[in-house]
Amino acid sequence: MSQQPLLAAALVPSHDHAAFVPQVLTVPAPLQPFVDALLAVEVGPIAPNPLFIAPHESMVLSVQLGRGSDSCIEAKGEHGRNTCVTGIRQWTGSFIPAGRCVTLFALLTPLGSVHVLDSQPLSQVPRIRAHVADLLDRHTTIALESMIALAPTVDAKLNVFATWLEARVTARRQQSSPALRAARAALRLLREPGVPIDELARQAAVSRRQLERHFAHWFGTSPRHLAQVARLQQVSRCAQHGASLADIAAHTGFADQAHMTRTVRQLTGLTPREFVRSQRTPLAGAFRAATRGRTVYL
């Protein structure tokens, strides 16, 4: 996949900034081990121009509802199939956003994805937007979408979403023990992307090969790729504090600045300087604020 078209478009956003109105909800304390960020975006009428999304550490659970001509909220698609999950991306991707809608986002930690999705395998999810109704059941998503649609304001919708998520992660349901061990290993890898994979495997009491299979099965990625993505996002966070690229490379564990440049370009199609300066839209800013400096949208 050529990254060059993404470079020009990411640095010169073509969307009307006023068409995207984001709102961030502070993640309640009981949800913090499971959810990195909660936010909603109201989208007005827009031209069919692409948006660009960078690799980041979270599974994204989203609920999208349309806004009709009389401003009422309605199902954007078939009822129960407006709730989707997207996995850990391999590289920067693009998509055409829907206009006249409200989309709610929950950025799930690896532990959150296991609990919210009942230990369902996500081996194919990074390459597609999977319908949660296909992973769980449609009754669950119909109930969620109905509650969100009936909430009178965007703030109320976000609170309904947060309440539903808290109920999911605290409910007494049997989860897969290997999935939970893999999630704990992934959480450590996100905190310490330089930790040796063999050490992670020993901590999880499995072989390295088994840990890699578990990552592929439940998170649709490898420990090595997740570590690369975690370092990429460390670059983004460090850049918010004005550090030089050389200092960022040293702080984030790259061998040198050239090594950082190769990794950032491989994942995003941008140089580190272009990557840290590409966050210029309200949507990008909202995700950056909600995730304490990570880059989700370019």
C-alpha atoms as a PDB file:
ATOM      1  CA  MET A   1       0.000   0.000   0.000  1.00  0.00           C
ATOM      2  CA  SER A   2       1.535   3.324  -1.028  1.00  0.00           C
ATOM      3  CA  GLN A   3       1.694   5.878   1.763  1.00  0.00           C
ATOM      4  CA  GLN A   4       2.541   8.898  -0.402  1.00  0.00           C
ATOM      5  CA  PRO A   5      -1.085  10.018  -1.054  1.00  0.00           C
ATOM      6  CA  LEU A   6      -1.671   9.948   2.702  1.00  0.00           C
ATOM      7  CA  LEU A   7       1.200  12.338   3.293  1.00  0.00           C
ATOM      8  CA  ALA A   8      -0.165  15.253   1.333  1.00  0.00           C
ATOM      9  CA  ALA A   9      -3.740  14.800   2.479  1.00  0.00           C
ATOM     10  CA  ALA A  10      -2.818  14.368   6.132  1.00  0.00           C
ATOM     11  CA  LEU A  11      -0.854  17.605   6.177  1.00  0.00           C
ATOM     12  CA  VAL A  12      -3.536  19.593   4.346  1.00  0.00           C
ATOM     13  CA  PRO A  13      -6.937  18.534   5.771  1.00  0.00           C
ATOM     14  CA  SER A  14      -9.743  19.159   3.289  1.00  0.00           C
ATOM     15  CA  HIS A  15     -12.683  19.017   5.707  1.00  0.00           C
ATOM     16  CA  ASP A  16     -14.536  22.013   7.069  1.00  0.00           C
ATOM     17  CA  HIS A  17     -13.452  22.150  10.722  1.00  0.00           C
ATOM     18  CA  ALA A  18     -16.890  23.404  11.776  1.00  0.00           C
ATOM     19  CA  ALA A  19     -18.482  20.226  10.412  1.00  0.00           C
ATOM     20  CA  PHE A  20     -16.929  18.177  13.244  1.00  0.00           C
ATOM     21  CA  VAL A  21     -17.988  19.010  16.808  1.00  0.00           C
ATOM     22  CA  PRO A  22     -16.252  16.690  19.305  1.00  0.00           C
ATOM     23  CA  GLN A  23     -17.107  16.216  22.962  1.00  0.00           C
ATOM     24  CA  VAL A  24     -14.925  14.354  25.476  1.00  0.00           C
ATOM     25  CA  LEU A  25     -16.114  12.578  28.615  1.00  0.00           C
ATOM     26  CA  THR A  26     -13.654  11.909  31.431  1.00  0.00           C
ATOM     27  CA  VAL A  27     -13.402   8.151  31.853  1.00  0.00           C
ATOM     28  CA  PRO A  28     -14.968   7.180  35.204  1.00  0.00           C
ATOM     29  CA  ALA A  29     -12.559   5.522  37.653  1.00  0.00           C
ATOM     30  CA  PRO A  30     -14.154   2.038  37.476  1.00  0.00           C
ATOM     31  CA  LEU A  31     -13.664   2.052  33.697  1.00  0.00           C
ATOM     32  CA  GLN A  32     -10.056   3.235  33.579  1.00  0.00           C
ATOM     33  CA  PRO A  33      -8.421  -0.236  33.400  1.00  0.00           C
ATOM     34  CA  PHE A  34     -10.711  -1.040  30.468  1.00  0.00           C
ATOM     35  CA  VAL A  35     -11.242   2.207  28.545  1.00  0.00           C
ATOM     36  CA  ASP A  36      -8.601   4.755  27.514  1.00  0.00           C
ATOM     37  CA  ALA A  37     -10.966   7.455  26.233  1.00  0.00           C
ATOM     38  CA  LEU A  38     -14.637   8.244  25.703  1.00  0.00           C
ATOM     39  CA  LEU A  39     -15.771  10.843  23.207  1.00  0.00           C
ATOM     40  CA  ALA A  40     -18.490  11.724  20.732  1.00  0.00           C
ATOM     41  CA  VAL A  41     -18.353  13.602  17.451  1.00  0.00           C
ATOM     42  CA  GLU A  42     -21.300  15.367  15.851  1.00  0.00           C
ATOM     43  CA  VAL A  43     -20.800  15.562  12.089  1.00  0.00           C
ATOM     44  CA  GLY A  44     -22.720  18.000   9.936  1.00  0.00           C
ATOM     45  CA  PRO A  45     -23.189  17.865   6.155  1.00  0.00           C
ATOM     46  CA  ILE A  46     -19.784  17.213   4.591  1.00  0.00           C
ATOM     47  CA  ALA A  47     -18.287  16.563   1.188  1.00  0.00           C
ATOM     48  CA  PRO A  48     -17.085  12.980   0.537  1.00  0.00           C
ATOM     49  CA  ASN A  49     -13.432  13.640   1.427  1.00  0.00           C
ATOM     50  CA  PRO A  50     -11.268  11.094   3.262  1.00  0.00           C
ATOM     51  CA  LEU A  51     -10.088  11.201   6.853  1.00  0.00           C
ATOM     52  CA  PHE A  52      -6.831   9.581   7.942  1.00  0.00           C
ATOM     53  CA  ILE A  53      -6.305   7.494  11.051  1.00  0.00           C
ATOM     54  CA  ALA A  54      -2.922   6.450  12.447  1.00  0.00           C
ATOM     55  CA  PRO A  55      -1.991   3.192  14.178  1.00  0.00           C
ATOM     56  CA  HIS A  56      -2.692   3.475  17.908  1.00  0.00           C
ATOM     57  CA  GLU A  57      -2.892   1.142  20.892  1.00  0.00           C
ATOM     58  CA  SER A  58      -6.661   0.803  21.351  1.00  0.00           C
ATOM     59  CA  MET A  59      -9.459  -1.294  19.972  1.00  0.00           C
ATOM     60  CA  VAL A  60     -12.111   1.261  18.977  1.00  0.00           C
ATOM     61  CA  LEU A  61     -15.721   0.514  19.860  1.00  0.00           C
ATOM     62  CA  SER A  62     -18.040   2.916  18.044  1.00  0.00           C
ATOM     63  CA  VAL A  63     -21.775   3.543  17.833  1.00  0.00           C
ATOM     64  CA  GLN A  64     -22.952   5.697  14.921  1.00  0.00           C
ATOM     65  CA  LEU A  65     -26.442   7.163  14.651  1.00  0.00           C
ATOM     66  CA  GLY A  66     -27.744   9.402  11.883  1.00  0.00           C
ATOM     67  CA  ARG A  67     -29.243  12.829  12.332  1.00  0.00           C
ATOM     68  CA  GLY A  68     -32.343  13.379  10.215  1.00  0.00           C
ATOM     69  CA  SER A  69     -33.462  16.603   8.562  1.00  0.00           C
ATOM     70  CA  ASP A  70     -35.573  17.444  11.625  1.00  0.00           C
ATOM     71  CA  SER A  71     -32.527  16.919  13.896  1.00  0.00           C
ATOM     72  CA  CYS A  72     -33.893  13.694  15.363  1.00  0.00           C
ATOM     73  CA  ILE A  73     -31.531  10.789  15.980  1.00  0.00           C
ATOM     74  CA  GLU A  74     -32.172   7.660  13.963  1.00  0.00           C
ATOM     75  CA  ALA A  75     -30.404   4.462  13.014  1.00  0.00           C
ATOM     76  CA  LYS A  76     -27.730   5.108  10.393  1.00  0.00           C
ATOM     77  CA  GLY A  77     -28.057   1.541   9.214  1.00  0.00           C
ATOM     78  CA  GLU A  78     -30.016  -1.561  10.190  1.00  0.00           C
ATOM     79  CA  HIS A  79     -30.958  -1.416  13.881  1.00  0.00           C
ATOM     80  CA  GLY A  80     -28.391  -3.285  15.940  1.00  0.00           C
ATOM     81  CA  ARG A  81     -25.682  -3.056  13.277  1.00  0.00           C
ATOM     82  CA  ASN A  82     -24.520   0.482  13.984  1.00  0.00           C
ATOM     83  CA  THR A  83     -22.125  -0.705  16.702  1.00  0.00           C
ATOM     84  CA  CYS A  84     -18.684  -1.689  15.383  1.00  0.00           C
ATOM     85  CA  VAL A  85     -15.192  -2.488  16.590  1.00  0.00           C
ATOM     86  CA  THR A  86     -11.901  -1.751  14.839  1.00  0.00           C
ATOM     87  CA  GLY A  87      -8.628  -3.331  15.914  1.00  0.00           C
ATOM     88  CA  ILE A  88      -4.942  -2.398  16.067  1.00  0.00           C
ATOM     89  CA  ARG A  89      -4.023  -0.923  12.695  1.00  0.00           C
ATOM     90  CA  GLN A  90      -1.060  -2.086  10.671  1.00  0.00           C
ATOM     91  CA  TRP A  91      -0.454   1.347   9.117  1.00  0.00           C
ATOM     92  CA  THR A  92      -2.196   4.662   8.515  1.00  0.00           C
ATOM     93  CA  GLY A  93      -5.500   4.160   6.728  1.00  0.00           C
ATOM     94  CA  SER A  94      -8.148   6.359   5.178  1.00  0.00           C
ATOM     95  CA  PHE A  95     -11.929   6.268   5.075  1.00  0.00           C
ATOM     96  CA  ILE A  96     -14.808   8.454   3.922  1.00  0.00           C
ATOM     97  CA  PRO A  97     -16.762   9.666   6.983  1.00  0.00           C
ATOM     98  CA  ALA A  98     -20.540   9.752   7.019  1.00  0.00           C
ATOM     99  CA  GLY A  99     -22.191  13.174   7.245  1.00  0.00           C
ATOM    100  CA  ARG A 100     -25.128  14.214   9.408  1.00  0.00           C
ATOM    101  CA  CYS A 101     -24.462  11.766  12.217  1.00  0.00           C
ATOM    102  CA  VAL A 102     -23.352  11.390  15.814  1.00  0.00           C
ATOM    103  CA  THR A 103     -20.636   8.835  16.541  1.00  0.00           C
ATOM    104  CA  LEU A 104     -19.641   7.694  20.016  1.00  0.00           C
ATOM    105  CA  PHE A 105     -16.165   6.225  20.553  1.00  0.00           C
ATOM    106  CA  ALA A 106     -14.726   4.108  23.347  1.00  0.00           C
ATOM    107  CA  LEU A 107     -11.004   3.392  23.033  1.00  0.00           C
ATOM    108  CA  LEU A 108     -10.656   0.012  24.717  1.00  0.00           C
ATOM    109  CA  THR A 109      -7.540  -1.306  26.410  1.00  0.00           C
ATOM    110  CA  PRO A 110      -6.618  -4.945  25.688  1.00  0.00           C
ATOM    111  CA  LEU A 111      -8.283  -5.894  28.981  1.00  0.00           C
ATOM    112  CA  GLY A 112     -11.340  -3.857  28.023  1.00  0.00           C
ATOM    113  CA  SER A 113     -11.698  -5.581  24.657  1.00  0.00           C
ATOM    114  CA  VAL A 114     -11.670  -8.998  26.359  1.00  0.00           C
ATOM    115  CA  HIS A 115     -14.345  -8.031  28.880  1.00  0.00           C
ATOM    116  CA  VAL A 116     -16.577  -5.951  26.608  1.00  0.00           C
ATOM    117  CA  LEU A 117     -16.478  -8.478  23.756  1.00  0.00           C
ATOM    118  CA  ASP A 118     -16.611 -11.627  25.908  1.00  0.00           C
ATOM    119  CA  SER A 119     -13.216 -12.996  24.854  1.00  0.00           C
ATOM    120  CA  GLN A 120     -14.212 -13.112  21.196  1.00  0.00           C
ATOM    121  CA  PRO A 121     -11.270 -13.621  18.805  1.00  0.00           C
ATOM    122  CA  LEU A 122     -10.381 -10.494  16.862  1.00  0.00           C
ATOM    123  CA  SER A 123      -7.865 -11.951  14.444  1.00  0.00           C
ATOM    124  CA  GLN A 124      -9.564 -10.349  11.417  1.00  0.00           C
ATOM    125  CA  VAL A 125     -10.741  -7.107  13.023  1.00  0.00           C
ATOM    126  CA  PRO A 126      -7.734  -4.831  12.286  1.00  0.00           C
ATOM    127  CA  ARG A 127      -8.463  -5.129   8.572  1.00  0.00           C
ATOM    128  CA  ILE A 128     -12.211  -4.570   8.781  1.00  0.00           C
ATOM    129  CA  ARG A 129     -14.839  -2.799  10.864  1.00  0.00           C
ATOM    130  CA  ALA A 130     -16.532  -5.757  12.513  1.00  0.00           C
ATOM    131  CA  HIS A 131     -20.163  -5.518  13.572  1.00  0.00           C
ATOM    132  CA  VAL A 132     -20.388  -6.185  17.298  1.00  0.00           C
ATOM    133  CA  ALA A 133     -23.725  -7.924  16.653  1.00  0.00           C
ATOM    134  CA  ASP A 134     -21.743 -10.614  14.818  1.00  0.00           C
ATOM    135  CA  LEU A 135     -19.312 -11.007  17.726  1.00  0.00           C
ATOM    136  CA  LEU A 136     -21.901 -10.969  20.531  1.00  0.00           C
ATOM    137  CA  ASP A 137     -25.585 -10.928  19.614  1.00  0.00           C
ATOM    138  CA  ARG A 138     -27.925  -8.449  18.023  1.00  0.00           C
ATOM    139  CA  HIS A 139     -30.152  -8.109  21.086  1.00  0.00           C
ATOM    140  CA  THR A 140     -27.203  -6.572  22.949  1.00  0.00           C
ATOM    141  CA  THR A 141     -26.473  -3.969  20.298  1.00  0.00           C
ATOM    142  CA  ILE A 142     -30.138  -3.161  19.659  1.00  0.00           C
ATOM    143  CA  ALA A 143     -30.561  -2.370  23.362  1.00  0.00           C
ATOM    144  CA  LEU A 144     -27.414  -0.210  23.423  1.00  0.00           C
ATOM    145  CA  GLU A 145     -28.324   1.731  20.278  1.00  0.00           C
ATOM    146  CA  SER A 146     -31.869   2.309  21.498  1.00  0.00           C
ATOM    147  CA  MET A 147     -30.695   3.687  24.859  1.00  0.00           C
ATOM    148  CA  ILE A 148     -28.204   6.005  23.163  1.00  0.00           C
ATOM    149  CA  ALA A 149     -30.738   7.221  20.605  1.00  0.00           C
ATOM    150  CA  LEU A 150     -33.276   8.048  23.336  1.00  0.00           C
ATOM    151  CA  ALA A 151     -30.815  10.093  25.399  1.00  0.00           C
ATOM    152  CA  PRO A 152     -31.652  13.777  24.775  1.00  0.00           C
ATOM    153  CA  THR A 153     -28.175  15.311  24.408  1.00  0.00           C
ATOM    154  CA  VAL A 154     -24.735  14.230  23.238  1.00  0.00           C
ATOM    155  CA  ASP A 155     -23.477  14.467  26.819  1.00  0.00           C
ATOM    156  CA  ALA A 156     -26.321  12.210  27.947  1.00  0.00           C
ATOM    157  CA  LYS A 157     -25.542   9.760  25.147  1.00  0.00           C
ATOM    158  CA  LEU A 158     -21.916   9.565  26.280  1.00  0.00           C
ATOM    159  CA  ASN A 159     -23.019   8.894  29.847  1.00  0.00           C
ATOM    160  CA  VAL A 160     -25.358   6.133  28.649  1.00  0.00           C
ATOM    161  CA  PHE A 161     -22.445   4.627  26.710  1.00  0.00           C
ATOM    162  CA  ALA A 162     -20.162   4.811  29.767  1.00  0.00           C
ATOM    163  CA  THR A 163     -22.818   3.212  31.982  1.00  0.00           C
ATOM    164  CA  TRP A 164     -23.302   0.377  29.486  1.00  0.00           C
ATOM    165  CA  LEU A 165     -19.544  -0.207  29.290  1.00  0.00           C
ATOM    166  CA  GLU A 166     -19.205  -0.260  33.071  1.00  0.00           C
ATOM    167  CA  ALA A 167     -22.006  -2.828  33.313  1.00  0.00           C
ATOM    168  CA  ARG A 168     -20.270  -4.990  30.675  1.00  0.00           C
ATOM    169  CA  VAL A 169     -16.843  -4.993  32.321  1.00  0.00           C
ATOM    170  CA  THR A 170     -18.123  -5.533  35.885  1.00  0.00           C
ATOM    171  CA  ALA A 171     -20.713  -8.217  35.099  1.00  0.00           C
ATOM    172  CA  ARG A 172     -19.940 -11.710  36.361  1.00  0.00           C
ATOM    173  CA  ARG A 173     -19.281 -13.564  33.118  1.00  0.00           C
ATOM    174  CA  GLN A 174     -16.656 -16.226  32.540  1.00  0.00           C
ATOM    175  CA  GLN A 175     -13.806 -14.923  30.370  1.00  0.00           C
ATOM    176  CA  SER A 176     -11.092 -16.962  28.688  1.00  0.00           C
ATOM    177  CA  SER A 177      -8.078 -17.346  30.991  1.00  0.00           C
ATOM    178  CA  PRO A 178      -5.592 -17.294  28.071  1.00  0.00           C
ATOM    179  CA  ALA A 179      -7.268 -14.128  26.750  1.00  0.00           C
ATOM    180  CA  LEU A 180      -6.927 -12.435  30.138  1.00  0.00           C
ATOM    181  CA  ARG A 181      -3.259 -13.471  30.415  1.00  0.00           C
ATOM    182  CA  ALA A 182      -2.624 -12.104  26.914  1.00  0.00           C
ATOM    183  CA  ALA A 183      -4.414  -8.856  27.839  1.00  0.00           C
ATOM    184  CA  ARG A 184      -2.243  -8.389  30.931  1.00  0.00           C
ATOM    185  CA  ALA A 185       0.871  -9.028  28.829  1.00  0.00           C
ATOM    186  CA  ALA A 186      -0.345  -6.490  26.246  1.00  0.00           C
ATOM    187  CA  LEU A 187      -0.970  -3.890  28.948  1.00  0.00           C
ATOM    188  CA  ARG A 188       2.592  -4.269  30.194  1.00  0.00           C
ATOM    189  CA  LEU A 189       3.904  -4.033  26.638  1.00  0.00           C
ATOM    190  CA  LEU A 190       2.029  -0.758  26.160  1.00  0.00           C
ATOM    191  CA  ARG A 191       3.593   0.636  29.338  1.00  0.00           C
ATOM    192  CA  GLU A 192       7.045  -0.758  28.504  1.00  0.00           C
ATOM    193  CA  PRO A 193       7.379  -1.257  24.732  1.00  0.00           C
ATOM    194  CA  GLY A 194      11.036  -2.188  25.191  1.00  0.00           C
ATOM    195  CA  VAL A 195      10.318  -5.202  27.397  1.00  0.00           C
ATOM    196  CA  PRO A 196      11.650  -8.422  25.789  1.00  0.00           C
ATOM    197  CA  ILE A 197       8.910 -10.627  24.350  1.00  0.00           C
ATOM    198  CA  ASP A 198      10.487 -13.669  26.033  1.00  0.00           C
ATOM    199  CA  GLU A 199      10.092 -11.940  29.396  1.00  0.00           C
ATOM    200  CA  LEU A 200       6.432 -11.230  28.670  1.00  0.00           C
ATOM    201  CA  ALA A 201       5.930 -14.873  27.774  1.00  0.00           C
ATOM    202  CA  ARG A 202       7.593 -16.071  30.996  1.00  0.00           C
ATOM    203  CA  GLN A 203       5.405 -13.728  33.014  1.00  0.00           C
ATOM    204  CA  ALA A 204       2.315 -15.137  31.264  1.00  0.00           C
ATOM    205  CA  ALA A 205       3.583 -18.708  31.844  1.00  0.00           C
ATOM    206  CA  VAL A 206       3.498 -19.559  28.128  1.00  0.00           C
ATOM    207  CA  SER A 207       6.079 -20.001  25.402  1.00  0.00           C
ATOM    208  CA  ARG A 208       6.967 -17.060  23.190  1.00  0.00           C
ATOM    209  CA  ARG A 209       5.283 -18.763  20.232  1.00  0.00           C
ATOM    210  CA  GLN A 210       2.124 -19.356  22.270  1.00  0.00           C
ATOM    211  CA  LEU A 211       2.049 -15.709  23.375  1.00  0.00           C
ATOM    212  CA  GLU A 212       2.366 -14.608  19.752  1.00  0.00           C
ATOM    213  CA  ARG A 213      -0.536 -16.897  18.804  1.00  0.00           C
ATOM    214  CA  HIS A 214      -2.622 -15.474  21.652  1.00  0.00           C
ATOM    215  CA  PHE A 215      -1.942 -11.904  20.525  1.00  0.00           C
ATOM    216  CA  ALA A 216      -2.902 -12.782  16.953  1.00  0.00           C
ATOM    217  CA  HIS A 217      -6.058 -14.595  18.077  1.00  0.00           C
ATOM    218  CA  TRP A 218      -7.485 -12.077  20.549  1.00  0.00           C
ATOM    219  CA  PHE A 219      -5.984  -8.782  19.393  1.00  0.00           C
ATOM    220  CA  GLY A 220      -5.275  -9.352  15.712  1.00  0.00           C
ATOM    221  CA  THR A 221      -1.684  -8.206  16.032  1.00  0.00           C
ATOM    222  CA  SER A 222       1.738  -9.379  17.190  1.00  0.00           C
ATOM    223  CA  PRO A 223       3.680  -8.333  20.300  1.00  0.00           C
ATOM    224  CA  ARG A 224       6.322  -6.805  18.034  1.00  0.00           C
ATOM    225  CA  HIS A 225       3.809  -4.689  16.111  1.00  0.00           C
ATOM    226  CA  LEU A 226       2.035  -3.598  19.282  1.00  0.00           C
ATOM    227  CA  ALA A 227       5.393  -2.485  20.711  1.00  0.00           C
ATOM    228  CA  GLN A 228       6.072  -0.472  17.535  1.00  0.00           C
ATOM    229  CA  VAL A 229       2.676   1.204  17.783  1.00  0.00           C
ATOM    230  CA  ALA A 230       3.241   1.973  21.467  1.00  0.00           C
ATOM    231  CA  ARG A 231       6.567   3.637  20.608  1.00  0.00           C
ATOM    232  CA  LEU A 232       4.924   5.599  17.787  1.00  0.00           C
ATOM    233  CA  GLN A 233       2.410   6.969  20.252  1.00  0.00           C
ATOM    234  CA  GLN A 234       5.166   7.759  22.749  1.00  0.00           C
ATOM    235  CA  VAL A 235       6.695   9.916  20.012  1.00  0.00           C
ATOM    236  CA  SER A 236       3.376  11.748  19.722  1.00  0.00           C
ATOM    237  CA  ARG A 237       3.070  12.312  23.470  1.00  0.00           C
ATOM    238  CA  CYS A 238       6.653  13.526  23.849  1.00  0.00           C
ATOM    239  CA  ALA A 239       6.220  15.942  20.940  1.00  0.00           C
ATOM    240  CA  GLN A 240       3.374  17.700  22.779  1.00  0.00           C
ATOM    241  CA  HIS A 241       5.940  18.891  25.335  1.00  0.00           C
ATOM    242  CA  GLY A 242       8.246  20.458  22.754  1.00  0.00           C
ATOM    243  CA  ALA A 243      11.093  17.921  22.962  1.00  0.00           C
ATOM    244  CA  SER A 244      13.546  17.734  20.079  1.00  0.00           C
ATOM    245  CA  LEU A 245      13.389  14.742  17.740  1.00  0.00           C
ATOM    246  CA  ALA A 246      16.769  13.509  19.010  1.00  0.00           C
ATOM    247  CA  ASP A 247      15.556  13.692  22.611  1.00  0.00           C
ATOM    248  CA  ILE A 248      12.296  11.970  21.680  1.00  0.00           C
ATOM    249  CA  ALA A 249      14.204   9.122  20.001  1.00  0.00           C
ATOM    250  CA  ALA A 250      16.371   8.637  23.083  1.00  0.00           C
ATOM    251  CA  HIS A 251      13.448   8.861  25.501  1.00  0.00           C
ATOM    252  CA  THR A 252      11.277   6.382  23.597  1.00  0.00           C
ATOM    253  CA  GLY A 253      13.948   3.696  23.330  1.00  0.00           C
ATOM    254  CA  PHE A 254      14.923   3.920  19.668  1.00  0.00           C
ATOM    255  CA  ALA A 255      18.542   3.122  18.845  1.00  0.00           C
ATOM    256  CA  ASP A 256      18.887   6.569  17.275  1.00  0.00           C
ATOM    257  CA  GLN A 257      16.895   9.208  15.414  1.00  0.00           C
ATOM    258  CA  ALA A 258      17.290   7.339  12.104  1.00  0.00           C
ATOM    259  CA  HIS A 259      15.727   4.243  13.657  1.00  0.00           C
ATOM    260  CA  MET A 260      12.786   6.346  14.873  1.00  0.00           C
ATOM    261  CA  THR A 261      12.385   7.877  11.411  1.00  0.00           C
ATOM    262  CA  ARG A 262      12.231   4.449   9.751  1.00  0.00           C
ATOM    263  CA  THR A 263       9.616   3.173  12.203  1.00  0.00           C
ATOM    264  CA  VAL A 264       7.410   6.263  12.016  1.00  0.00           C
ATOM    265  CA  ARG A 265       7.555   6.290   8.215  1.00  0.00           C
ATOM    266  CA  GLN A 266       6.771   2.560   8.046  1.00  0.00           C
ATOM    267  CA  LEU A 267       3.647   2.972  10.203  1.00  0.00           C
ATOM    268  CA  THR A 268       2.358   6.331   8.967  1.00  0.00           C
ATOM    269  CA  GLY A 269       3.972   7.226   5.643  1.00  0.00           C
ATOM    270  CA  LEU A 270       5.245  10.420   7.318  1.00  0.00           C
ATOM    271  CA  THR A 271       8.547  11.529   8.760  1.00  0.00           C
ATOM    272  CA  PRO A 272       8.558  12.102  12.536  1.00  0.00           C
ATOM    273  CA  ARG A 273       8.464  15.873  12.001  1.00  0.00           C
ATOM    274  CA  GLU A 274       5.500  15.594   9.617  1.00  0.00           C
ATOM    275  CA  PHE A 275       3.768  13.135  11.945  1.00  0.00           C
ATOM    276  CA  VAL A 276       3.933  15.332  15.041  1.00  0.00           C
ATOM    277  CA  ARG A 277       2.832  18.425  13.067  1.00  0.00           C
ATOM    278  CA  SER A 278      -0.069  16.749  11.246  1.00  0.00           C
ATOM    279  CA  GLN A 279      -2.643  17.083  14.046  1.00  0.00           C
ATOM    280  CA  ARG A 280      -4.478  20.180  12.856  1.00  0.00           C
ATOM    281  CA  THR A 281      -8.201  19.342  12.857  1.00  0.00           C
ATOM    282  CA  PRO A 282     -10.705  19.598  15.742  1.00  0.00           C
ATOM    283  CA  LEU A 283     -11.228  15.844  15.461  1.00  0.00           C
ATOM    284  CA  ALA A 284      -7.497  15.167  15.810  1.00  0.00           C
ATOM    285  CA  GLY A 285      -7.269  17.632  18.683  1.00  0.00           C
ATOM    286  CA  ALA A 286     -10.163  16.041  20.551  1.00  0.00           C
ATOM    287  CA  PHE A 287      -8.641  12.575  20.345  1.00  0.00           C
ATOM    288  CA  ARG A 288      -5.241  13.978  21.321  1.00  0.00           C
ATOM    289  CA  ALA A 289      -6.733  15.639  24.408  1.00  0.00           C
ATOM    290  CA  ALA A 290      -8.776  12.577  25.355  1.00  0.00           C
ATOM    291  CA  THR A 291      -5.762  10.270  25.077  1.00  0.00           C
ATOM    292  CA  ARG A 292      -3.195  12.543  26.754  1.00  0.00           C
ATOM    293  CA  GLY A 293      -1.255  13.342  23.593  1.00  0.00           C
ATOM    294  CA  ARG A 294      -1.683  10.314  21.369  1.00  0.00           C
ATOM    295  CA  THR A 295      -2.322  10.730  17.642  1.00  0.00           C
ATOM    296  CA  VAL A 296      -5.402   8.901  16.434  1.00  0.00           C
ATOM    297  CA  TYR A 297      -6.662  11.083  13.575  1.00  0.00           C
ATOM    298  CA  LEU A 298      -4.235  13.060  11.428  1.00  0.00           C
END
